[in-house]
Amino acid sequence: MRLATLTRGSRDGTLVVVNHDGTQAAEVNGYATLQAALDDWDVAQVALAAAEKIIDGGAGVPFAWEELAAPLPRAWQWLDGSAFPTHGKLMQQAFHLPPIETDKPLMYQGMSHQFLGPFEPVPLPSEEDGIDFEGEFGIITDDVPMGISAEEALVHVKLIVQINDWSLRAIAPAEMKTGFGWVQAKPACSVAPFAVTPEELGGAWHDGRVCLPLTVEVNGKWFGSPCGDAMEVGFDTLIAHAARTRSLPAGTIIGSGTVSNADYQAVGSTCISERRAIETILYGSPETPFLIFGDRVAMRAGPNSPFGHLDQRIVEGCVPVRPRC
């Protein structure tokens, strides 16, 4: 099943089920928003299945892709991991950073009150901030109890998403030195239009990992296609880590961190900073610039793009308080 949110109705949009061609949608009776369905997930299955039946019967309503918001335009919680070891090792080697001495998964809590839609312009204040993208996969949970084990965690994965975690690299080092985490260096993330159930991915959802290549293009040129199966720990472990001392509300989004593979010279990268690290290791200094206003970034997963795709331009400006949906 593929779920999406149209920029209609309330601030949180309108929940729809979408067909595999991405041409028709059906609203979900009794559940105006995705958050409402997540809050009542088991009961909502009847209404979701009824909407899917409408779609399967070809009786859905056409919609414009420009109407698609992020599946959750705002969420109770956004927790981002860093589960691809190659990415961390490259950054440490290139920039002479000490290894992070921990046996626990890496994770931070980021901004969750707004997620940009897949085709919205990305407004940022300054090119001097080192504008970068980070291609990731993510999951959305129902209510997760505190203290859950990794072995029990995957039943709480209700939906899977594709994310662009925008980053401002010139700001990040100063914020990291404070020891209090990121605020200014992490603006609103973007999310591909379709949140899919694990069953929708079939064998591509395995061992708590999205086993699909994530292809990134910058200004129409290929940048990388590393695969999501290279996570050192799966989403089961990330959920258990996040819930060790607190429960997680329905609608929690957890990210994989930057998708990165050990054969990066062949498959490329999903963020500029990693490519700059590779260039520094190979040539002594980085060559690839960060983004400027007008640059366009596109992302899609796998050969069939089950999450739809992201295609956005960087623009000068401020993110409005009220999302366009």
C-alpha atoms as a PDB file:
ATOM      1  CA  MET A   1       0.000   0.000   0.000  1.00  0.00           C
ATOM      2  CA  ARG A   2       1.209   3.498  -0.854  1.00  0.00           C
ATOM      3  CA  LEU A   3      -0.017   6.441   1.198  1.00  0.00           C
ATOM      4  CA  ALA A   4       0.368  10.104   0.385  1.00  0.00           C
ATOM      5  CA  THR A   5      -0.756  13.505   1.596  1.00  0.00           C
ATOM      6  CA  LEU A   6      -2.287  16.057  -0.745  1.00  0.00           C
ATOM      7  CA  THR A   7      -1.976  19.774  -0.068  1.00  0.00           C
ATOM      8  CA  ARG A   8      -5.681  20.127   0.570  1.00  0.00           C
ATOM      9  CA  GLY A   9      -7.788  20.609   3.641  1.00  0.00           C
ATOM     10  CA  SER A  10      -6.028  21.255   6.933  1.00  0.00           C
ATOM     11  CA  ARG A  11      -2.491  22.283   7.753  1.00  0.00           C
ATOM     12  CA  ASP A  12      -1.644  18.572   7.774  1.00  0.00           C
ATOM     13  CA  GLY A  13      -3.122  17.995   4.320  1.00  0.00           C
ATOM     14  CA  THR A  14      -5.434  15.184   3.234  1.00  0.00           C
ATOM     15  CA  LEU A  15      -4.515  11.495   3.486  1.00  0.00           C
ATOM     16  CA  VAL A  16      -4.965   9.394   0.334  1.00  0.00           C
ATOM     17  CA  VAL A  17      -4.110   5.914  -0.898  1.00  0.00           C
ATOM     18  CA  VAL A  18      -2.350   6.052  -4.277  1.00  0.00           C
ATOM     19  CA  ASN A  19      -2.218   3.465  -7.059  1.00  0.00           C
ATOM     20  CA  HIS A  20       1.055   1.995  -8.345  1.00  0.00           C
ATOM     21  CA  ASP A  21       1.147   4.296 -11.357  1.00  0.00           C
ATOM     22  CA  GLY A  22       0.794   7.373  -9.193  1.00  0.00           C
ATOM     23  CA  THR A  23      -2.151   8.562 -11.269  1.00  0.00           C
ATOM     24  CA  GLN A  24      -5.154   8.046  -8.972  1.00  0.00           C
ATOM     25  CA  ALA A  25      -5.883   8.644  -5.308  1.00  0.00           C
ATOM     26  CA  ALA A  26      -8.686   7.743  -2.917  1.00  0.00           C
ATOM     27  CA  GLU A  27      -9.350   9.514   0.371  1.00  0.00           C
ATOM     28  CA  VAL A  28      -9.555   7.416   3.532  1.00  0.00           C
ATOM     29  CA  ASN A  29     -12.971   7.520   5.145  1.00  0.00           C
ATOM     30  CA  GLY A  30     -12.747   8.648   8.769  1.00  0.00           C
ATOM     31  CA  TYR A  31      -9.063   9.544   8.636  1.00  0.00           C
ATOM     32  CA  ALA A  32      -8.369  12.980   7.237  1.00  0.00           C
ATOM     33  CA  THR A  33      -4.616  12.887   7.875  1.00  0.00           C
ATOM     34  CA  LEU A  34      -1.850  10.325   8.056  1.00  0.00           C
ATOM     35  CA  GLN A  35      -1.208  11.176  11.690  1.00  0.00           C
ATOM     36  CA  ALA A  36      -4.822  10.356  12.517  1.00  0.00           C
ATOM     37  CA  ALA A  37      -4.433   6.951  10.855  1.00  0.00           C
ATOM     38  CA  LEU A  38      -1.154   6.271  12.692  1.00  0.00           C
ATOM     39  CA  ASP A  39      -2.766   7.131  16.026  1.00  0.00           C
ATOM     40  CA  ASP A  40      -5.397   4.470  15.360  1.00  0.00           C
ATOM     41  CA  TRP A  41      -3.425   2.192  13.043  1.00  0.00           C
ATOM     42  CA  ASP A  42      -4.982  -1.206  13.727  1.00  0.00           C
ATOM     43  CA  VAL A  43      -8.538   0.074  13.471  1.00  0.00           C
ATOM     44  CA  ALA A  44      -7.670   2.295  10.504  1.00  0.00           C
ATOM     45  CA  GLN A  45      -6.738  -0.771   8.436  1.00  0.00           C
ATOM     46  CA  VAL A  46     -10.397  -1.282   7.496  1.00  0.00           C
ATOM     47  CA  ALA A  47     -10.682   2.233   6.060  1.00  0.00           C
ATOM     48  CA  LEU A  48      -7.275   2.007   4.372  1.00  0.00           C
ATOM     49  CA  ALA A  49      -8.194  -1.310   2.760  1.00  0.00           C
ATOM     50  CA  ALA A  50     -11.482   0.161   1.508  1.00  0.00           C
ATOM     51  CA  ALA A  51      -9.616   3.070  -0.091  1.00  0.00           C
ATOM     52  CA  GLU A  52      -7.143   0.640  -1.659  1.00  0.00           C
ATOM     53  CA  LYS A  53     -10.047  -1.360  -3.083  1.00  0.00           C
ATOM     54  CA  ILE A  54     -11.333   1.804  -4.763  1.00  0.00           C
ATOM     55  CA  ILE A  55      -7.896   2.317  -6.285  1.00  0.00           C
ATOM     56  CA  ASP A  56      -7.605  -1.292  -7.418  1.00  0.00           C
ATOM     57  CA  GLY A  57     -10.965  -0.968  -9.111  1.00  0.00           C
ATOM     58  CA  GLY A  58      -9.812   2.050 -11.086  1.00  0.00           C
ATOM     59  CA  ALA A  59     -12.322   4.346  -9.383  1.00  0.00           C
ATOM     60  CA  GLY A  60      -9.799   6.702  -7.792  1.00  0.00           C
ATOM     61  CA  VAL A  61      -9.580  10.427  -8.512  1.00  0.00           C
ATOM     62  CA  PRO A  62      -6.757  11.892 -10.643  1.00  0.00           C
ATOM     63  CA  PHE A  63      -4.433  14.347  -8.924  1.00  0.00           C
ATOM     64  CA  ALA A  64      -1.500  16.543  -9.871  1.00  0.00           C
ATOM     65  CA  TRP A  65       1.897  15.564  -8.521  1.00  0.00           C
ATOM     66  CA  GLU A  66       2.424  19.214  -7.612  1.00  0.00           C
ATOM     67  CA  GLU A  67      -0.275  18.689  -4.960  1.00  0.00           C
ATOM     68  CA  LEU A  68       1.823  16.109  -3.110  1.00  0.00           C
ATOM     69  CA  ALA A  69       3.161  17.169   0.272  1.00  0.00           C
ATOM     70  CA  ALA A  70       5.491  15.194   2.506  1.00  0.00           C
ATOM     71  CA  PRO A  71       3.542  12.147   3.740  1.00  0.00           C
ATOM     72  CA  LEU A  72       3.715  13.649   7.241  1.00  0.00           C
ATOM     73  CA  PRO A  73       3.932  17.423   6.757  1.00  0.00           C
ATOM     74  CA  ARG A  74       4.809  17.647  10.453  1.00  0.00           C
ATOM     75  CA  ALA A  75       5.574  14.873  12.901  1.00  0.00           C
ATOM     76  CA  TRP A  76       5.735  14.372  16.639  1.00  0.00           C
ATOM     77  CA  GLN A  77       9.367  13.347  16.428  1.00  0.00           C
ATOM     78  CA  TRP A  78      12.257  13.087  13.955  1.00  0.00           C
ATOM     79  CA  LEU A  79      15.250  11.018  15.046  1.00  0.00           C
ATOM     80  CA  ASP A  80      18.119  10.597  12.613  1.00  0.00           C
ATOM     81  CA  GLY A  81      20.663   7.818  12.884  1.00  0.00           C
ATOM     82  CA  SER A  82      24.057   7.360  11.283  1.00  0.00           C
ATOM     83  CA  ALA A  83      24.056   3.668  10.462  1.00  0.00           C
ATOM     84  CA  PHE A  84      26.383   3.485   7.440  1.00  0.00           C
ATOM     85  CA  PRO A  85      29.951   2.964   8.706  1.00  0.00           C
ATOM     86  CA  THR A  86      31.666   3.955   5.446  1.00  0.00           C
ATOM     87  CA  HIS A  87      30.306   7.487   5.694  1.00  0.00           C
ATOM     88  CA  GLY A  88      31.701   8.019   9.186  1.00  0.00           C
ATOM     89  CA  LYS A  89      35.072   6.487   8.360  1.00  0.00           C
ATOM     90  CA  LEU A  90      35.526   8.681   5.288  1.00  0.00           C
ATOM     91  CA  MET A  91      34.701  11.838   7.224  1.00  0.00           C
ATOM     92  CA  GLN A  92      37.079  10.898  10.026  1.00  0.00           C
ATOM     93  CA  GLN A  93      39.913  10.070   7.660  1.00  0.00           C
ATOM     94  CA  ALA A  94      39.554  13.156   5.480  1.00  0.00           C
ATOM     95  CA  PHE A  95      39.100  15.703   8.238  1.00  0.00           C
ATOM     96  CA  HIS A  96      41.312  14.056  10.879  1.00  0.00           C
ATOM     97  CA  LEU A  97      38.443  13.549  13.277  1.00  0.00           C
ATOM     98  CA  PRO A  98      38.844  11.185  16.222  1.00  0.00           C
ATOM     99  CA  PRO A  99      36.659   8.072  16.126  1.00  0.00           C
ATOM    100  CA  ILE A 100      33.478   8.277  18.167  1.00  0.00           C
ATOM    101  CA  GLU A 101      34.051   5.973  21.099  1.00  0.00           C
ATOM    102  CA  THR A 102      30.707   4.289  21.690  1.00  0.00           C
ATOM    103  CA  ASP A 103      29.171   0.892  21.195  1.00  0.00           C
ATOM    104  CA  LYS A 104      25.722   2.421  20.770  1.00  0.00           C
ATOM    105  CA  PRO A 105      24.063   3.580  17.532  1.00  0.00           C
ATOM    106  CA  LEU A 106      24.571   7.236  16.636  1.00  0.00           C
ATOM    107  CA  MET A 107      21.397   9.330  16.662  1.00  0.00           C
ATOM    108  CA  TYR A 108      20.262  12.912  17.117  1.00  0.00           C
ATOM    109  CA  GLN A 109      16.854  14.531  17.491  1.00  0.00           C
ATOM    110  CA  GLY A 110      16.100  17.019  14.734  1.00  0.00           C
ATOM    111  CA  MET A 111      13.454  19.492  13.654  1.00  0.00           C
ATOM    112  CA  SER A 112      10.109  17.772  13.150  1.00  0.00           C
ATOM    113  CA  HIS A 113       7.476  20.515  12.960  1.00  0.00           C
ATOM    114  CA  GLN A 114       7.870  20.793   9.191  1.00  0.00           C
ATOM    115  CA  PHE A 115       8.872  18.489   6.344  1.00  0.00           C
ATOM    116  CA  LEU A 116       9.095  19.862   2.828  1.00  0.00           C
ATOM    117  CA  GLY A 117       7.144  18.235   0.013  1.00  0.00           C
ATOM    118  CA  PRO A 118       8.937  16.435  -2.812  1.00  0.00           C
ATOM    119  CA  PHE A 119       8.708  19.233  -5.384  1.00  0.00           C
ATOM    120  CA  GLU A 120       8.710  22.315  -3.180  1.00  0.00           C
ATOM    121  CA  PRO A 121      11.506  24.865  -3.532  1.00  0.00           C
ATOM    122  CA  VAL A 122      13.989  24.630  -0.669  1.00  0.00           C
ATOM    123  CA  PRO A 123      14.366  28.129   0.783  1.00  0.00           C
ATOM    124  CA  LEU A 124      17.606  28.767   2.654  1.00  0.00           C
ATOM    125  CA  PRO A 125      19.133  32.007   3.942  1.00  0.00           C
ATOM    126  CA  SER A 126      22.676  31.959   2.545  1.00  0.00           C
ATOM    127  CA  GLU A 127      24.936  30.138   0.086  1.00  0.00           C
ATOM    128  CA  GLU A 128      27.777  30.761   2.549  1.00  0.00           C
ATOM    129  CA  ASP A 129      26.284  28.199   4.927  1.00  0.00           C
ATOM    130  CA  GLY A 130      27.582  25.255   2.869  1.00  0.00           C
ATOM    131  CA  ILE A 131      24.322  23.868   1.473  1.00  0.00           C
ATOM    132  CA  ASP A 132      24.364  20.075   1.220  1.00  0.00           C
ATOM    133  CA  PHE A 133      21.932  17.179   0.832  1.00  0.00           C
ATOM    134  CA  GLU A 134      21.905  13.758   2.510  1.00  0.00           C
ATOM    135  CA  GLY A 135      19.993  10.903   0.899  1.00  0.00           C
ATOM    136  CA  GLU A 136      18.434   8.570   3.449  1.00  0.00           C
ATOM    137  CA  PHE A 137      15.755   5.991   4.060  1.00  0.00           C
ATOM    138  CA  GLY A 138      13.442   6.246   7.037  1.00  0.00           C
ATOM    139  CA  ILE A 139      10.638   4.502   8.874  1.00  0.00           C
ATOM    140  CA  ILE A 140       7.471   5.727  10.565  1.00  0.00           C
ATOM    141  CA  THR A 141       6.284   3.946  13.707  1.00  0.00           C
ATOM    142  CA  ASP A 142       3.087   3.457  15.591  1.00  0.00           C
ATOM    143  CA  ASP A 143       3.267   3.795  19.401  1.00  0.00           C
ATOM    144  CA  VAL A 144       6.462   2.153  20.657  1.00  0.00           C
ATOM    145  CA  PRO A 145       6.734   1.238  24.354  1.00  0.00           C
ATOM    146  CA  MET A 146       9.768   2.233  26.376  1.00  0.00           C
ATOM    147  CA  GLY A 147      12.390  -0.478  26.735  1.00  0.00           C
ATOM    148  CA  ILE A 148      11.409  -2.491  23.677  1.00  0.00           C
ATOM    149  CA  SER A 149      14.036  -4.914  22.389  1.00  0.00           C
ATOM    150  CA  ALA A 150      15.399  -4.928  18.870  1.00  0.00           C
ATOM    151  CA  GLU A 151      13.822  -8.355  18.370  1.00  0.00           C
ATOM    152  CA  GLU A 152      10.374  -6.874  19.058  1.00  0.00           C
ATOM    153  CA  ALA A 153      10.856  -3.538  17.327  1.00  0.00           C
ATOM    154  CA  LEU A 154      10.134  -4.207  13.652  1.00  0.00           C
ATOM    155  CA  VAL A 155       6.421  -4.871  14.242  1.00  0.00           C
ATOM    156  CA  HIS A 156       6.173  -1.157  15.020  1.00  0.00           C
ATOM    157  CA  VAL A 157       7.428  -0.151  11.557  1.00  0.00           C
ATOM    158  CA  LYS A 158       4.224   0.794   9.793  1.00  0.00           C
ATOM    159  CA  LEU A 159       5.575   2.821   6.879  1.00  0.00           C
ATOM    160  CA  ILE A 160       8.860   3.358   5.045  1.00  0.00           C
ATOM    161  CA  VAL A 161       9.939   6.624   3.440  1.00  0.00           C
ATOM    162  CA  GLN A 162      12.755   8.242   1.455  1.00  0.00           C
ATOM    163  CA  ILE A 163      14.305  11.411   2.886  1.00  0.00           C
ATOM    164  CA  ASN A 164      16.612  14.244   1.898  1.00  0.00           C
ATOM    165  CA  ASP A 165      18.139  15.542   5.133  1.00  0.00           C
ATOM    166  CA  TRP A 166      19.340  19.012   4.112  1.00  0.00           C
ATOM    167  CA  SER A 167      22.471  20.131   5.956  1.00  0.00           C
ATOM    168  CA  LEU A 168      24.406  23.384   6.294  1.00  0.00           C
ATOM    169  CA  ARG A 169      28.025  22.292   6.520  1.00  0.00           C
ATOM    170  CA  ALA A 170      29.604  25.635   7.397  1.00  0.00           C
ATOM    171  CA  ILE A 171      27.461  25.873  10.536  1.00  0.00           C
ATOM    172  CA  ALA A 172      27.697  22.253  11.693  1.00  0.00           C
ATOM    173  CA  PRO A 173      31.285  22.204  13.100  1.00  0.00           C
ATOM    174  CA  ALA A 174      30.682  25.123  15.471  1.00  0.00           C
ATOM    175  CA  GLU A 175      27.433  23.597  16.727  1.00  0.00           C
ATOM    176  CA  MET A 176      29.048  20.188  17.209  1.00  0.00           C
ATOM    177  CA  LYS A 177      31.769  21.706  19.381  1.00  0.00           C
ATOM    178  CA  THR A 178      29.193  22.979  21.863  1.00  0.00           C
ATOM    179  CA  GLY A 179      28.173  19.420  22.693  1.00  0.00           C
ATOM    180  CA  PHE A 180      24.493  20.357  22.518  1.00  0.00           C
ATOM    181  CA  GLY A 181      23.732  19.096  19.014  1.00  0.00           C
ATOM    182  CA  TRP A 182      22.474  20.752  15.848  1.00  0.00           C
ATOM    183  CA  VAL A 183      19.928  23.518  15.532  1.00  0.00           C
ATOM    184  CA  GLN A 184      20.890  25.976  12.782  1.00  0.00           C
ATOM    185  CA  ALA A 185      22.809  23.385  10.738  1.00  0.00           C
ATOM    186  CA  LYS A 186      19.733  21.225  10.196  1.00  0.00           C
ATOM    187  CA  PRO A 187      16.844  22.970   8.394  1.00  0.00           C
ATOM    188  CA  ALA A 188      13.637  21.206   7.334  1.00  0.00           C
ATOM    189  CA  CYS A 189      14.079  17.819   5.665  1.00  0.00           C
ATOM    190  CA  SER A 190      12.308  16.845   2.439  1.00  0.00           C
ATOM    191  CA  VAL A 191      10.399  13.582   2.040  1.00  0.00           C
ATOM    192  CA  ALA A 192       9.483  11.716  -1.151  1.00  0.00           C
ATOM    193  CA  PRO A 193       5.725  11.625  -1.767  1.00  0.00           C
ATOM    194  CA  PHE A 194       4.801   8.035  -0.962  1.00  0.00           C
ATOM    195  CA  ALA A 195       5.027   6.335   2.415  1.00  0.00           C
ATOM    196  CA  VAL A 196       4.819   2.609   1.751  1.00  0.00           C
ATOM    197  CA  THR A 197       3.991  -0.355   3.932  1.00  0.00           C
ATOM    198  CA  PRO A 198       6.791  -2.896   4.406  1.00  0.00           C
ATOM    199  CA  GLU A 199       4.815  -5.409   2.335  1.00  0.00           C
ATOM    200  CA  GLU A 200       4.878  -3.019  -0.603  1.00  0.00           C
ATOM    201  CA  LEU A 201       8.674  -3.368  -0.822  1.00  0.00           C
ATOM    202  CA  GLY A 202       8.611  -7.168  -0.828  1.00  0.00           C
ATOM    203  CA  GLY A 203      12.140  -8.574  -0.680  1.00  0.00           C
ATOM    204  CA  ALA A 204      13.637  -5.079  -0.735  1.00  0.00           C
ATOM    205  CA  TRP A 205      12.622  -4.774   2.922  1.00  0.00           C
ATOM    206  CA  HIS A 206      14.903  -7.262   4.675  1.00  0.00           C
ATOM    207  CA  ASP A 207      16.481  -7.495   8.113  1.00  0.00           C
ATOM    208  CA  GLY A 208      15.250  -4.018   9.017  1.00  0.00           C
ATOM    209  CA  ARG A 209      16.914  -2.465   5.975  1.00  0.00           C
ATOM    210  CA  VAL A 210      15.776  -0.971   2.673  1.00  0.00           C
ATOM    211  CA  CYS A 211      17.761  -3.006   0.149  1.00  0.00           C
ATOM    212  CA  LEU A 212      17.494  -0.580  -2.759  1.00  0.00           C
ATOM    213  CA  PRO A 213      19.964   1.792  -4.416  1.00  0.00           C
ATOM    214  CA  LEU A 214      19.297   5.462  -3.753  1.00  0.00           C
ATOM    215  CA  THR A 215      20.131   7.473  -6.863  1.00  0.00           C
ATOM    216  CA  VAL A 216      20.992  11.167  -6.572  1.00  0.00           C
ATOM    217  CA  GLU A 217      21.302  13.661  -9.423  1.00  0.00           C
ATOM    218  CA  VAL A 218      22.529  17.244  -9.124  1.00  0.00           C
ATOM    219  CA  ASN A 219      21.540  19.601 -11.929  1.00  0.00           C
ATOM    220  CA  GLY A 220      20.669  16.579 -14.060  1.00  0.00           C
ATOM    221  CA  LYS A 221      24.001  14.807 -13.554  1.00  0.00           C
ATOM    222  CA  TRP A 222      24.441  11.514 -11.739  1.00  0.00           C
ATOM    223  CA  PHE A 223      25.985  11.885  -8.283  1.00  0.00           C
ATOM    224  CA  GLY A 224      25.635   8.433  -6.738  1.00  0.00           C
ATOM    225  CA  SER A 225      23.581   5.255  -6.303  1.00  0.00           C
ATOM    226  CA  PRO A 226      24.723   3.492  -3.099  1.00  0.00           C
ATOM    227  CA  CYS A 227      22.478   0.795  -1.658  1.00  0.00           C
ATOM    228  CA  GLY A 228      20.598   0.871   1.623  1.00  0.00           C
ATOM    229  CA  ASP A 229      21.437  -2.708   2.600  1.00  0.00           C
ATOM    230  CA  ALA A 230      24.867  -1.612   3.924  1.00  0.00           C
ATOM    231  CA  MET A 231      23.500  -0.350   7.256  1.00  0.00           C
ATOM    232  CA  GLU A 232      25.700  -1.563  10.105  1.00  0.00           C
ATOM    233  CA  VAL A 233      22.579  -1.894  12.269  1.00  0.00           C
ATOM    234  CA  GLY A 234      19.009  -2.090  11.027  1.00  0.00           C
ATOM    235  CA  PHE A 235      15.978  -0.035  11.942  1.00  0.00           C
ATOM    236  CA  ASP A 236      15.128  -2.616  14.612  1.00  0.00           C
ATOM    237  CA  THR A 237      18.241  -1.614  16.543  1.00  0.00           C
ATOM    238  CA  LEU A 238      17.662   2.096  15.910  1.00  0.00           C
ATOM    239  CA  ILE A 239      14.109   1.861  17.296  1.00  0.00           C
ATOM    240  CA  ALA A 240      15.282  -0.017  20.389  1.00  0.00           C
ATOM    241  CA  HIS A 241      18.028   2.553  20.955  1.00  0.00           C
ATOM    242  CA  ALA A 242      15.603   5.474  20.661  1.00  0.00           C
ATOM    243  CA  ALA A 243      13.085   3.833  23.011  1.00  0.00           C
ATOM    244  CA  ARG A 244      15.507   2.695  25.705  1.00  0.00           C
ATOM    245  CA  THR A 245      14.407   5.301  28.271  1.00  0.00           C
ATOM    246  CA  ARG A 246      11.222   6.715  26.728  1.00  0.00           C
ATOM    247  CA  SER A 247       8.271   5.659  24.643  1.00  0.00           C
ATOM    248  CA  LEU A 248       7.932   6.813  21.040  1.00  0.00           C
ATOM    249  CA  PRO A 249       4.628   8.306  19.864  1.00  0.00           C
ATOM    250  CA  ALA A 250       2.842   7.135  16.752  1.00  0.00           C
ATOM    251  CA  GLY A 251       4.213   9.198  13.901  1.00  0.00           C
ATOM    252  CA  THR A 252       7.848   9.033  14.999  1.00  0.00           C
ATOM    253  CA  ILE A 253      10.174   9.153  11.993  1.00  0.00           C
ATOM    254  CA  ILE A 254      13.606   7.535  12.276  1.00  0.00           C
ATOM    255  CA  GLY A 255      16.236   8.034   9.585  1.00  0.00           C
ATOM    256  CA  SER A 256      19.038   5.727   8.494  1.00  0.00           C
ATOM    257  CA  GLY A 257      21.642   8.442   8.082  1.00  0.00           C
ATOM    258  CA  THR A 258      23.474   9.136   4.827  1.00  0.00           C
ATOM    259  CA  VAL A 259      23.363   6.091   2.556  1.00  0.00           C
ATOM    260  CA  SER A 260      26.980   5.113   1.892  1.00  0.00           C
ATOM    261  CA  ASN A 261      28.788   2.051   0.522  1.00  0.00           C
ATOM    262  CA  ALA A 262      32.345   0.766   0.809  1.00  0.00           C
ATOM    263  CA  ASP A 263      32.697   0.692  -3.004  1.00  0.00           C
ATOM    264  CA  TYR A 264      32.045   4.431  -3.146  1.00  0.00           C
ATOM    265  CA  GLN A 265      34.410   4.960  -6.061  1.00  0.00           C
ATOM    266  CA  ALA A 266      32.055   2.862  -8.191  1.00  0.00           C
ATOM    267  CA  VAL A 267      28.632   3.744  -6.766  1.00  0.00           C
ATOM    268  CA  GLY A 268      29.210   7.359  -5.726  1.00  0.00           C
ATOM    269  CA  SER A 269      27.725   9.141  -2.727  1.00  0.00           C
ATOM    270  CA  THR A 270      24.458  10.635  -1.503  1.00  0.00           C
ATOM    271  CA  CYS A 271      25.923  13.804  -0.019  1.00  0.00           C
ATOM    272  CA  ILE A 272      28.447  16.419  -1.142  1.00  0.00           C
ATOM    273  CA  SER A 273      30.400  16.326   2.105  1.00  0.00           C
ATOM    274  CA  GLU A 274      31.235  12.656   1.597  1.00  0.00           C
ATOM    275  CA  ARG A 275      32.405  13.295  -1.964  1.00  0.00           C
ATOM    276  CA  ARG A 276      34.557  16.169  -0.687  1.00  0.00           C
ATOM    277  CA  ALA A 277      36.026  13.815   1.913  1.00  0.00           C
ATOM    278  CA  ILE A 278      36.881  11.278  -0.806  1.00  0.00           C
ATOM    279  CA  GLU A 279      38.494  14.021  -2.894  1.00  0.00           C
ATOM    280  CA  THR A 280      40.522  15.179   0.090  1.00  0.00           C
ATOM    281  CA  ILE A 281      41.783  11.649   0.704  1.00  0.00           C
ATOM    282  CA  LEU A 282      42.661  11.091  -2.969  1.00  0.00           C
ATOM    283  CA  TYR A 283      43.883  14.539  -4.052  1.00  0.00           C
ATOM    284  CA  GLY A 284      44.677  16.444  -0.875  1.00  0.00           C
ATOM    285  CA  SER A 285      41.786  18.914  -1.092  1.00  0.00           C
ATOM    286  CA  PRO A 286      38.064  18.942  -1.988  1.00  0.00           C
ATOM    287  CA  GLU A 287      36.962  19.845  -5.497  1.00  0.00           C
ATOM    288  CA  THR A 288      33.162  19.564  -5.487  1.00  0.00           C
ATOM    289  CA  PRO A 289      31.464  22.778  -4.338  1.00  0.00           C
ATOM    290  CA  PHE A 290      28.448  22.947  -2.091  1.00  0.00           C
ATOM    291  CA  LEU A 291      25.126  23.991  -3.603  1.00  0.00           C
ATOM    292  CA  ILE A 292      24.111  27.489  -4.632  1.00  0.00           C
ATOM    293  CA  PHE A 293      20.735  29.088  -5.273  1.00  0.00           C
ATOM    294  CA  GLY A 294      19.154  27.660  -8.411  1.00  0.00           C
ATOM    295  CA  ASP A 295      20.788  24.240  -8.094  1.00  0.00           C
ATOM    296  CA  ARG A 296      18.465  21.270  -8.450  1.00  0.00           C
ATOM    297  CA  VAL A 297      18.658  17.987  -6.530  1.00  0.00           C
ATOM    298  CA  ALA A 298      16.696  14.865  -7.487  1.00  0.00           C
ATOM    299  CA  MET A 299      16.517  11.519  -5.665  1.00  0.00           C
ATOM    300  CA  ARG A 300      14.792   8.214  -6.348  1.00  0.00           C
ATOM    301  CA  ALA A 301      15.107   4.686  -4.982  1.00  0.00           C
ATOM    302  CA  GLY A 302      15.490   1.499  -6.958  1.00  0.00           C
ATOM    303  CA  PRO A 303      14.448   0.860 -10.561  1.00  0.00           C
ATOM    304  CA  ASN A 304      10.719   1.334  -9.846  1.00  0.00           C
ATOM    305  CA  SER A 305      10.820   4.303  -7.415  1.00  0.00           C
ATOM    306  CA  PRO A 306       8.337   2.882  -4.859  1.00  0.00           C
ATOM    307  CA  PHE A 307       8.532   6.128  -2.854  1.00  0.00           C
ATOM    308  CA  GLY A 308       8.052   8.331  -5.898  1.00  0.00           C
ATOM    309  CA  HIS A 309      10.882  10.834  -6.264  1.00  0.00           C
ATOM    310  CA  LEU A 310      12.228  14.140  -4.995  1.00  0.00           C
ATOM    311  CA  ASP A 311      13.039  16.951  -7.408  1.00  0.00           C
ATOM    312  CA  GLN A 312      13.745  20.325  -5.816  1.00  0.00           C
ATOM    313  CA  ARG A 313      15.562  23.616  -6.385  1.00  0.00           C
ATOM    314  CA  ILE A 314      17.449  25.651  -3.807  1.00  0.00           C
ATOM    315  CA  VAL A 315      16.101  29.195  -3.504  1.00  0.00           C
ATOM    316  CA  GLU A 316      16.968  32.206  -1.407  1.00  0.00           C
ATOM    317  CA  GLY A 317      14.438  32.936   1.299  1.00  0.00           C
ATOM    318  CA  CYS A 318      12.881  31.797   4.546  1.00  0.00           C
ATOM    319  CA  VAL A 319      10.711  28.758   5.211  1.00  0.00           C
ATOM    320  CA  PRO A 320       7.183  29.997   5.978  1.00  0.00           C
ATOM    321  CA  VAL A 321       5.767  29.265   9.414  1.00  0.00           C
ATOM    322  CA  ARG A 322       2.700  27.664   7.836  1.00  0.00           C
ATOM    323  CA  PRO A 323       3.396  24.909   5.286  1.00  0.00           C
ATOM    324  CA  ARG A 324       1.703  25.393   1.933  1.00  0.00           C
ATOM    325  CA  CYS A 325      -0.639  22.497   2.658  1.00  0.00           C
END
